[in-house]
PDB file of N, CA and C in Angstrom:
ATOM      1  N   MET A   1      60.132-117.670  50.344  1.00  0.00           N
ATOM      2  CA  MET A   1      61.495-117.981  49.958  1.00  0.00           C
ATOM      3  C   MET A   1      61.992-117.068  48.836  1.00  0.00           C
ATOM      4  N   ASP A   2      61.123-116.825  47.852  1.00  0.00           N
ATOM      5  CA  ASP A   2      61.540-115.963  46.748  1.00  0.00           C
ATOM      6  C   ASP A   2      61.854-114.557  47.234  1.00  0.00           C
ATOM      7  N   ALA A   3      61.026-114.030  48.125  1.00  0.00           N
ATOM      8  CA  ALA A   3      61.255-112.676  48.641  1.00  0.00           C
ATOM      9  C   ALA A   3      62.584-112.603  49.388  1.00  0.00           C
ATOM     10  N   ALA A   4      62.906-113.629  50.144  1.00  0.00           N
ATOM     11  CA  ALA A   4      64.171-113.653  50.882  1.00  0.00           C
ATOM     12  C   ALA A   4      65.353-113.687  49.916  1.00  0.00           C
ATOM     13  N   LYS A   5      65.216-114.451  48.837  1.00  0.00           N
ATOM     14  CA  LYS A   5      66.291-114.540  47.842  1.00  0.00           C
ATOM     15  C   LYS A   5      66.495-113.187  47.166  1.00  0.00           C
ATOM     16  N   VAL A   6      65.402-112.543  46.787  1.00  0.00           N
ATOM     17  CA  VAL A   6      65.503-111.230  46.133  1.00  0.00           C
ATOM     18  C   VAL A   6      66.108-110.215  47.095  1.00  0.00           C
ATOM     19  N   ALA A   7      65.653-110.206  48.339  1.00  0.00           N
ATOM     20  CA  ALA A   7      66.190-109.267  49.334  1.00  0.00           C
ATOM     21  C   ALA A   7      67.691-109.474  49.528  1.00  0.00           C
ATOM     22  N   LYS A   8      68.122-110.707  49.552  1.00  0.00           N
ATOM     23  CA  LYS A   8      69.555-111.001  49.715  1.00  0.00           C
ATOM     24  C   LYS A   8      70.347-110.476  48.523  1.00  0.00           C
ATOM     25  N   GLU A   9      69.830-110.712  47.332  1.00  0.00           N
ATOM     26  CA  GLU A   9      70.536-110.246  46.134  1.00  0.00           C
ATOM     27  C   GLU A   9      70.535-108.722  46.036  1.00  0.00           C
ATOM     28  N   VAL A  10      69.443-108.084  46.410  1.00  0.00           N
ATOM     29  CA  VAL A  10      69.391-106.617  46.399  1.00  0.00           C
ATOM     30  C   VAL A  10      70.431-106.061  47.367  1.00  0.00           C
ATOM     31  N   SER A  11      70.580-106.684  48.517  1.00  0.00           N
ATOM     32  CA  SER A  11      71.555-106.201  49.510  1.00  0.00           C
ATOM     33  C   SER A  11      72.990-106.292  48.997  1.00  0.00           C
ATOM     34  N   ARG A  12      73.222-107.121  47.995  1.00  0.00           N
ATOM     35  CA  ARG A  12      74.570-107.291  47.437  1.00  0.00           C
ATOM     36  C   ARG A  12      74.866-106.313  46.293  1.00  0.00           C
ATOM     37  N   LEU A  13      73.865-105.555  45.878  1.00  0.00           N
ATOM     38  CA  LEU A  13      74.074-104.585  44.796  1.00  0.00           C
ATOM     39  C   LEU A  13      74.882-103.382  45.300  1.00  0.00           C
ATOM     40  N   PRO A  14      75.528-102.660  44.387  1.00  0.00           N
ATOM     41  CA  PRO A  14      76.198-101.416  44.782  1.00  0.00           C
ATOM     42  C   PRO A  14      75.184-100.441  45.401  1.00  0.00           C
ATOM     43  N   GLU A  15      75.657 -99.594  46.279  1.00  0.00           N
ATOM     44  CA  GLU A  15      74.789 -98.712  47.066  1.00  0.00           C
ATOM     45  C   GLU A  15      73.828 -97.875  46.218  1.00  0.00           C
ATOM     46  N   LYS A  16      74.321 -97.241  45.172  1.00  0.00           N
ATOM     47  CA  LYS A  16      73.458 -96.386  44.358  1.00  0.00           C
ATOM     48  C   LYS A  16      72.370 -97.193  43.650  1.00  0.00           C
ATOM     49  N   HIS A  17      72.693 -98.401  43.252  1.00  0.00           N
ATOM     50  CA  HIS A  17      71.705 -99.258  42.596  1.00  0.00           C
ATOM     51  C   HIS A  17      70.630 -99.687  43.597  1.00  0.00           C
ATOM     52  N   ARG A  18      71.053-100.018  44.811  1.00  0.00           N
ATOM     53  CA  ARG A  18      70.080-100.359  45.869  1.00  0.00           C
ATOM     54  C   ARG A  18      69.163 -99.182  46.152  1.00  0.00           C
ATOM     55  N   ALA A  19      69.751 -97.990  46.245  1.00  0.00           N
ATOM     56  CA  ALA A  19      68.962 -96.795  46.549  1.00  0.00           C
ATOM     57  C   ALA A  19      67.955 -96.503  45.433  1.00  0.00           C
ATOM     58  N   ALA A  20      68.349 -96.707  44.191  1.00  0.00           N
ATOM     59  CA  ALA A  20      67.438 -96.476  43.071  1.00  0.00           C
ATOM     60  C   ALA A  20      66.275 -97.458  43.119  1.00  0.00           C
ATOM     61  N   LEU A  21      66.547 -98.718  43.404  1.00  0.00           N
ATOM     62  CA  LEU A  21      65.477 -99.710  43.526  1.00  0.00           C
ATOM     63  C   LEU A  21      64.556 -99.378  44.698  1.00  0.00           C
ATOM     64  N   ASN A  22      65.142 -98.960  45.796  1.00  0.00           N
ATOM     65  CA  ASN A  22      64.347 -98.572  46.963  1.00  0.00           C
ATOM     66  C   ASN A  22      63.420 -97.410  46.612  1.00  0.00           C
ATOM     67  N   TRP A  23      63.959 -96.424  45.910  1.00  0.00           N
ATOM     68  CA  TRP A  23      63.152 -95.282  45.502  1.00  0.00           C
ATOM     69  C   TRP A  23      61.985 -95.731  44.617  1.00  0.00           C
ATOM     70  N   CYS A  24      62.268 -96.620  43.682  1.00  0.00           N
ATOM     71  CA  CYS A  24      61.260 -97.039  42.709  1.00  0.00           C
ATOM     72  C   CYS A  24      60.193 -97.963  43.298  1.00  0.00           C
ATOM     73  N   TYR A  25      60.601 -98.906  44.151  1.00  0.00           N
ATOM     74  CA  TYR A  25      59.692 -99.966  44.576  1.00  0.00           C
ATOM     75  C   TYR A  25      59.237 -99.906  46.024  1.00  0.00           C
ATOM     76  N   VAL A  26      59.957 -99.192  46.882  1.00  0.00           N
ATOM     77  CA  VAL A  26      59.658 -99.257  48.308  1.00  0.00           C
ATOM     78  C   VAL A  26      59.024 -97.977  48.845  1.00  0.00           C
ATOM     79  N   LEU A  27      59.537 -96.831  48.444  1.00  0.00           N
ATOM     80  CA  LEU A  27      59.032 -95.569  48.988  1.00  0.00           C
ATOM     81  C   LEU A  27      57.561 -95.354  48.641  1.00  0.00           C
ATOM     82  N   ASP A  28      56.847 -94.781  49.587  1.00  0.00           N
ATOM     83  CA  ASP A  28      55.451 -94.407  49.363  1.00  0.00           C
ATOM     84  C   ASP A  28      55.429 -93.292  48.315  1.00  0.00           C
ATOM     85  N   PRO A  29      54.738 -93.489  47.202  1.00  0.00           N
ATOM     86  CA  PRO A  29      54.753 -92.476  46.137  1.00  0.00           C
ATOM     87  C   PRO A  29      54.180 -91.125  46.558  1.00  0.00           C
ATOM     88  N   ARG A  30      53.473 -91.090  47.673  1.00  0.00           N
ATOM     89  CA  ARG A  30      52.906 -89.822  48.148  1.00  0.00           C
ATOM     90  C   ARG A  30      53.892 -89.034  49.005  1.00  0.00           C
ATOM     91  N   SER A  31      55.010 -89.652  49.393  1.00  0.00           N
ATOM     92  CA  SER A  31      55.971 -88.958  50.252  1.00  0.00           C
ATOM     93  C   SER A  31      56.822 -87.990  49.433  1.00  0.00           C
ATOM     94  N   LYS A  32      57.327 -86.973  50.106  1.00  0.00           N
ATOM     95  CA  LYS A  32      58.186 -85.997  49.440  1.00  0.00           C
ATOM     96  C   LYS A  32      59.458 -86.649  48.925  1.00  0.00           C
ATOM     97  N   ASP A  33      59.951 -87.656  49.645  1.00  0.00           N
ATOM     98  CA  ASP A  33      61.190 -88.328  49.247  1.00  0.00           C
ATOM     99  C   ASP A  33      61.026 -89.135  47.969  1.00  0.00           C
ATOM    100  N   ALA A  34      59.796 -89.367  47.545  1.00  0.00           N
ATOM    101  CA  ALA A  34      59.558 -90.189  46.361  1.00  0.00           C
ATOM    102  C   ALA A  34      59.673 -89.398  45.057  1.00  0.00           C
ATOM    103  N   SER A  35      59.899 -88.115  45.129  1.00  0.00           N
ATOM    104  CA  SER A  35      60.003 -87.349  43.884  1.00  0.00           C
ATOM    105  C   SER A  35      61.296 -87.723  43.150  1.00  0.00           C
ATOM    106  N   PRO A  36      61.229 -87.849  41.847  1.00  0.00           N
ATOM    107  CA  PRO A  36      62.436 -88.173  41.074  1.00  0.00           C
ATOM    108  C   PRO A  36      63.530 -87.121  41.248  1.00  0.00           C
ATOM    109  N   THR A  37      63.132 -85.867  41.396  1.00  0.00           N
ATOM    110  CA  THR A  37      64.123 -84.801  41.580  1.00  0.00           C
ATOM    111  C   THR A  37      64.919 -85.024  42.858  1.00  0.00           C
ATOM    112  N   ARG A  38      64.230 -85.358  43.945  1.00  0.00           N
ATOM    113  CA  ARG A  38      64.929 -85.623  45.212  1.00  0.00           C
ATOM    114  C   ARG A  38      65.823 -86.858  45.104  1.00  0.00           C
ATOM    115  N   ALA A  39      65.332 -87.883  44.440  1.00  0.00           N
ATOM    116  CA  ALA A  39      66.130 -89.092  44.265  1.00  0.00           C
ATOM    117  C   ALA A  39      67.407 -88.780  43.493  1.00  0.00           C
ATOM    118  N   CYS A  40      67.277 -87.977  42.446  1.00  0.00           N
ATOM    119  CA  CYS A  40      68.454 -87.603  41.660  1.00  0.00           C
ATOM    120  C   CYS A  40      69.456 -86.810  42.493  1.00  0.00           C
ATOM    121  N   LYS A  41      68.956 -85.865  43.279  1.00  0.00           N
ATOM    122  CA  LYS A  41      69.848 -85.072  44.128  1.00  0.00           C
ATOM    123  C   LYS A  41      70.551 -85.960  45.146  1.00  0.00           C
ATOM    124  N   LYS A  42      69.792 -86.866  45.772  1.00  0.00           N
ATOM    125  CA  LYS A  42      70.362 -87.759  46.782  1.00  0.00           C
ATOM    126  C   LYS A  42      71.447 -88.646  46.182  1.00  0.00           C
ATOM    127  N   LEU A  43      71.216 -89.107  44.956  1.00  0.00           N
ATOM    128  CA  LEU A  43      72.173 -90.007  44.313  1.00  0.00           C
ATOM    129  C   LEU A  43      73.237 -89.261  43.512  1.00  0.00           C
ATOM    130  N   GLY A  44      73.087 -87.952  43.383  1.00  0.00           N
ATOM    131  CA  GLY A  44      74.062 -87.159  42.632  1.00  0.00           C
ATOM    132  C   GLY A  44      74.058 -87.497  41.158  1.00  0.00           C
ATOM    133  N   THR A  45      72.859 -87.630  40.586  1.00  0.00           N
ATOM    134  CA  THR A  45      72.759 -88.008  39.186  1.00  0.00           C
ATOM    135  C   THR A  45      71.629 -87.245  38.510  1.00  0.00           C
ATOM    136  N   SER A  46      71.516 -87.422  37.225  1.00  0.00           N
ATOM    137  CA  SER A  46      70.449 -86.804  36.433  1.00  0.00           C
ATOM    138  C   SER A  46      69.258 -87.762  36.352  1.00  0.00           C
ATOM    139  N   PHE A  47      68.188 -87.303  35.705  1.00  0.00           N
ATOM    140  CA  PHE A  47      67.048 -88.197  35.487  1.00  0.00           C
ATOM    141  C   PHE A  47      67.474 -89.403  34.660  1.00  0.00           C
ATOM    142  N   GLN A  48      68.271 -89.161  33.637  1.00  0.00           N
ATOM    143  CA  GLN A  48      68.759 -90.281  32.816  1.00  0.00           C
ATOM    144  C   GLN A  48      69.657 -91.192  33.640  1.00  0.00           C
ATOM    145  N   GLY A  49      70.458 -90.607  34.515  1.00  0.00           N
ATOM    146  CA  GLY A  49      71.313 -91.413  35.393  1.00  0.00           C
ATOM    147  C   GLY A  49      70.494 -92.293  36.320  1.00  0.00           C
ATOM    148  N   LEU A  50      69.390 -91.751  36.846  1.00  0.00           N
ATOM    149  CA  LEU A  50      68.502 -92.532  37.700  1.00  0.00           C
ATOM    150  C   LEU A  50      67.889 -93.682  36.909  1.00  0.00           C
ATOM    151  N   ALA A  51      67.446 -93.394  35.701  1.00  0.00           N
ATOM    152  CA  ALA A  51      66.891 -94.448  34.842  1.00  0.00           C
ATOM    153  C   ALA A  51      67.934 -95.514  34.539  1.00  0.00           C
ATOM    154  N   ASP A  52      69.169 -95.088  34.308  1.00  0.00           N
ATOM    155  CA  ASP A  52      70.260 -96.043  34.034  1.00  0.00           C
ATOM    156  C   ASP A  52      70.538 -96.918  35.250  1.00  0.00           C
ATOM    157  N   LEU A  53      70.534 -96.307  36.440  1.00  0.00           N
ATOM    158  CA  LEU A  53      70.758 -97.079  37.663  1.00  0.00           C
ATOM    159  C   LEU A  53      69.670 -98.140  37.842  1.00  0.00           C
ATOM    160  N   LEU A  54      68.428 -97.761  37.594  1.00  0.00           N
ATOM    161  CA  LEU A  54      67.325 -98.715  37.706  1.00  0.00           C
ATOM    162  C   LEU A  54      67.468 -99.845  36.698  1.00  0.00           C
ATOM    163  N   ARG A  55      67.742 -99.489  35.453  1.00  0.00           N
ATOM    164  CA  ARG A  55      67.909-100.507  34.413  1.00  0.00           C
ATOM    165  C   ARG A  55      69.048-101.464  34.759  1.00  0.00           C
ATOM    166  N   ASP A  56      70.171-100.895  35.173  1.00  0.00           N
ATOM    167  CA  ASP A  56      71.329-101.722  35.487  1.00  0.00           C
ATOM    168  C   ASP A  56      71.079-102.599  36.715  1.00  0.00           C
ATOM    169  N   ALA A  57      70.412-102.047  37.733  1.00  0.00           N
ATOM    170  CA  ALA A  57      70.117-102.836  38.935  1.00  0.00           C
ATOM    171  C   ALA A  57      69.201-104.004  38.605  1.00  0.00           C
ATOM    172  N   ARG A  58      68.179-103.745  37.809  1.00  0.00           N
ATOM    173  CA  ARG A  58      67.270-104.826  37.399  1.00  0.00           C
ATOM    174  C   ARG A  58      68.025-105.895  36.619  1.00  0.00           C
ATOM    175  N   GLN A  59      68.901-105.462  35.722  1.00  0.00           N
ATOM    176  CA  GLN A  59      69.652-106.433  34.922  1.00  0.00           C
ATOM    177  C   GLN A  59      70.603-107.248  35.797  1.00  0.00           C
ATOM    178  N   MET A  60      71.222-106.611  36.785  1.00  0.00           N
ATOM    179  CA  MET A  60      72.094-107.352  37.709  1.00  0.00           C
ATOM    180  C   MET A  60      71.312-108.434  38.447  1.00  0.00           C
ATOM    181  N   LEU A  61      70.106-108.101  38.874  1.00  0.00           N
ATOM    182  CA  LEU A  61      69.281-109.079  39.575  1.00  0.00           C
ATOM    183  C   LEU A  61      68.871-110.218  38.652  1.00  0.00           C
ATOM    184  N   ILE A  62      68.541-109.891  37.426  1.00  0.00           N
ATOM    185  CA  ILE A  62      68.196-110.933  36.447  1.00  0.00           C
ATOM    186  C   ILE A  62      69.401-111.845  36.225  1.00  0.00           C
ATOM    187  N   ASN A  63      70.577-111.249  36.047  1.00  0.00           N
ATOM    188  CA  ASN A  63      71.789-112.031  35.811  1.00  0.00           C
ATOM    189  C   ASN A  63      72.128-112.958  36.973  1.00  0.00           C
ATOM    190  N   ARG A  64      71.744-112.556  38.175  1.00  0.00           N
ATOM    191  CA  ARG A  64      72.007-113.364  39.382  1.00  0.00           C
ATOM    192  C   ARG A  64      70.893-114.370  39.639  1.00  0.00           C
ATOM    193  N   GLY A  65      69.885-114.359  38.803  1.00  0.00           N
ATOM    194  CA  GLY A  65      68.793-115.314  38.954  1.00  0.00           C
ATOM    195  C   GLY A  65      67.816-114.971  40.056  1.00  0.00           C
ATOM    196  N   ALA A  66      67.780-113.692  40.446  1.00  0.00           N
ATOM    197  CA  ALA A  66      66.859-113.269  41.518  1.00  0.00           C
ATOM    198  C   ALA A  66      65.509-112.930  40.957  1.00  0.00           C
TER     199      ALA A  66
END
């Protein structure tokens, strides 16, 4: 039940925030797509921007009780 609740709340996040969470928690760290540089290019942001997206996405989930 908890996983379903978290998945539902993640799906409601803005696209870039969802993508940042996916990069951090879902992608296989051995894949080429898991590099922070590729994630930044895909999201059109800097390393700090990627960190900000992750922080903000986590906080949004906390605020929603997920």
